[in-house]
Amino acid sequence: MNSDSFQTRPATIHDEQALLRFTLDEAQEAEGRVENPEVIGSAIRHALMAPEERARYFVVHREGSAELLGHVSATREWSDWNDAHYVWITSMYVTPEARGLGAMSALNEAVDDYARAMGSPEVRIYVHKSNERATRAWLREGFTEAPYWMGQRKVKPLP
């Protein structure tokens, strides 16, 4: 099957439970993490209610079927260097039975359409360093390693 066998659409509040299941499975598979379903469910619900403020979700299914086979979420990051938003893929999950068949490509096409609509110069993603399988999949999708170092630090609480 190629990506023409799959259809994508923006997620709705009716997809909340599937998105929760996909996100929990993604955390477990990608990083071996068991996340709090209540926190993730709340985050997904908030994003679905305010996609421009949080994240935009897209879901994928086989043509002619309503069964969801995965999702992608994307956020925007403002660039004053380009006077445009970059689009970041913040999560993606495709069910094991749909992997390697074009579902990921279909989801990436949905993100590209979203990015084009807002004039974004590129789509970006970060992947956990230990997630070699995901890195290979993203490389097959045309992503290249970026020349940026990524860091993090906790926000210091007020005294």
Protein backbone atom coordinates (compact mmCIF):
# COMPACT_ATOMS: atom_id res chain seq x y z
CA MET A 1 0.00 0.00 0.00
CA ASN A 2 1.12 3.54 -0.59
CA SER A 3 -0.01 6.75 1.08
CA ASP A 4 -2.88 6.98 -1.44
CA SER A 5 -4.50 4.07 0.44
CA PHE A 6 -4.68 6.24 3.56
CA GLN A 7 -6.65 9.35 4.35
CA THR A 8 -5.92 11.96 6.97
CA ARG A 9 -8.12 14.53 8.60
CA PRO A 10 -7.87 17.00 11.46
CA ALA A 11 -8.61 15.30 14.76
CA THR A 12 -11.76 16.21 16.66
CA ILE A 13 -12.83 15.85 20.26
CA HIS A 14 -14.42 12.52 19.25
CA ASP A 15 -10.89 11.19 18.64
CA GLU A 16 -9.71 11.99 22.17
CA GLN A 17 -9.59 8.39 23.46
CA ALA A 18 -7.71 7.11 20.39
CA LEU A 19 -5.22 9.99 20.68
CA LEU A 20 -4.72 9.17 24.35
CA ARG A 21 -4.10 5.49 23.57
CA PHE A 22 -1.68 6.37 20.75
CA THR A 23 0.24 8.86 22.90
CA LEU A 24 0.60 6.45 25.82
CA ASP A 25 1.79 3.72 23.42
CA GLU A 26 4.24 6.14 21.80
CA ALA A 27 5.78 7.09 25.17
CA GLN A 28 6.19 3.42 26.07
CA GLU A 29 7.66 2.37 22.72
CA ALA A 30 9.88 5.42 22.12
CA GLU A 31 11.32 5.94 25.57
CA GLY A 32 10.04 3.14 27.79
CA ARG A 33 7.99 5.67 29.73
CA VAL A 34 4.67 5.11 31.46
CA GLU A 35 2.90 8.44 31.48
CA ASN A 36 -0.07 9.64 33.50
CA PRO A 37 -3.21 9.15 31.37
CA GLU A 38 -5.05 11.94 33.17
CA VAL A 39 -2.35 14.50 32.37
CA ILE A 40 -2.01 13.35 28.75
CA GLY A 41 -5.79 13.26 28.31
CA SER A 42 -6.10 16.79 29.65
CA ALA A 43 -3.33 18.00 27.35
CA ILE A 44 -4.93 16.41 24.30
CA ARG A 45 -8.35 17.81 25.19
CA HIS A 46 -6.90 21.32 25.61
CA ALA A 47 -5.10 21.07 22.28
CA LEU A 48 -8.22 19.89 20.47
CA MET A 49 -10.17 22.83 21.91
CA ALA A 50 -7.47 25.41 21.03
CA PRO A 51 -5.24 24.06 18.24
CA GLU A 52 -3.68 27.44 17.36
CA GLU A 53 -2.58 27.92 20.96
CA ARG A 54 -1.42 24.36 21.69
CA ALA A 55 -1.06 21.74 18.96
CA ARG A 56 -2.88 20.65 15.87
CA TYR A 57 -3.64 16.92 15.65
CA PHE A 58 -4.23 14.91 12.49
CA VAL A 59 -5.37 11.30 12.37
CA VAL A 60 -4.95 8.65 9.68
CA HIS A 61 -7.20 5.80 8.58
CA ARG A 62 -7.46 3.47 5.61
CA GLU A 63 -9.61 4.70 2.80
CA GLY A 64 -13.14 3.43 3.38
CA SER A 65 -12.59 2.67 7.08
CA ALA A 66 -13.19 4.79 10.16
CA GLU A 67 -10.66 2.86 12.29
CA LEU A 68 -7.86 5.21 13.29
CA LEU A 69 -4.35 3.91 12.66
CA GLY A 70 -2.28 6.75 14.05
CA HIS A 71 -1.85 10.42 14.66
CA VAL A 72 0.57 13.31 14.40
CA SER A 73 0.60 16.53 16.41
CA ALA A 74 2.27 19.71 15.27
CA THR A 75 3.01 23.02 16.94
CA ARG A 76 4.28 26.36 15.67
CA GLU A 77 7.45 28.22 16.61
CA TRP A 78 7.85 31.85 15.58
CA SER A 79 11.07 32.80 13.77
CA ASP A 80 11.99 36.47 13.74
CA TRP A 81 14.81 35.62 11.31
CA ASN A 82 12.23 34.50 8.73
CA ASP A 83 9.10 36.36 9.87
CA ALA A 84 7.34 33.01 9.71
CA HIS A 85 6.39 30.05 11.83
CA TYR A 86 8.34 26.81 11.78
CA VAL A 87 6.22 23.74 12.27
CA TRP A 88 7.43 21.16 14.78
CA ILE A 89 6.13 17.62 14.83
CA THR A 90 5.71 17.01 18.55
CA SER A 91 4.41 13.46 18.43
CA MET A 92 3.58 10.77 15.93
CA TYR A 93 2.33 7.25 16.37
CA VAL A 94 1.31 4.66 13.81
CA THR A 95 -0.13 1.35 14.95
CA PRO A 96 2.15 -1.64 14.34
CA GLU A 97 -0.16 -3.13 11.69
CA ALA A 98 -0.03 0.08 9.62
CA ARG A 99 3.73 0.64 9.79
CA GLY A 100 5.67 0.52 6.57
CA LEU A 101 2.51 0.82 4.47
CA GLY A 102 2.34 4.58 3.96
CA ALA A 103 0.42 5.81 7.01
CA MET A 104 3.42 7.81 8.24
CA SER A 105 3.85 9.39 4.82
CA ALA A 106 0.16 10.34 4.77
CA LEU A 107 0.49 11.99 8.18
CA ASN A 108 3.60 13.85 7.03
CA GLU A 109 1.69 15.10 3.98
CA ALA A 110 -0.99 16.49 6.32
CA VAL A 111 1.69 18.33 8.30
CA ASP A 112 3.25 19.64 5.08
CA ASP A 113 -0.15 20.97 3.98
CA TYR A 114 -0.53 22.69 7.36
CA ALA A 115 2.99 24.16 7.09
CA ARG A 116 2.42 25.37 3.52
CA ALA A 117 -0.86 27.03 4.50
CA MET A 118 0.93 29.18 7.06
CA GLY A 119 4.00 29.87 4.92
CA SER A 120 6.36 27.83 7.07
CA PRO A 121 9.85 27.43 5.60
CA GLU A 122 10.30 23.92 7.02
CA VAL A 123 9.03 21.18 9.29
CA ARG A 124 11.21 20.16 12.21
CA ILE A 125 11.29 17.26 14.64
CA TYR A 126 13.32 16.10 17.60
CA VAL A 127 13.77 12.42 18.39
CA HIS A 128 15.20 10.86 21.53
CA LYS A 129 18.83 9.89 20.84
CA SER A 130 18.22 6.26 21.78
CA ASN A 131 15.25 5.86 19.41
CA GLU A 132 17.15 4.52 16.41
CA ARG A 133 14.08 2.98 14.77
CA ALA A 134 12.29 6.33 14.73
CA THR A 135 15.40 8.10 13.45
CA ARG A 136 15.61 5.67 10.52
CA ALA A 137 11.91 6.22 9.76
CA TRP A 138 12.30 10.00 9.76
CA LEU A 139 15.33 9.79 7.50
CA ARG A 140 13.28 7.68 5.05
CA GLU A 141 10.65 10.43 5.14
CA GLY A 142 13.20 12.98 3.90
CA PHE A 143 14.28 14.55 7.18
CA THR A 144 17.97 15.34 7.65
CA GLU A 145 19.96 15.89 10.80
CA ALA A 146 19.84 19.55 11.80
CA PRO A 147 22.98 21.47 12.75
CA TYR A 148 21.58 22.47 16.14
CA TRP A 149 22.41 21.33 19.63
CA MET A 150 19.33 20.94 21.80
CA GLY A 151 19.47 21.60 25.52
CA GLN A 152 17.06 21.83 28.39
CA ARG A 153 16.92 23.09 31.92
CA LYS A 154 14.24 23.11 34.56
CA VAL A 155 12.48 26.36 35.38
CA LYS A 156 13.65 27.52 38.78
CA PRO A 157 10.78 27.85 41.27
CA LEU A 158 10.25 31.16 42.97
CA PRO A 159 11.61 31.32 46.54
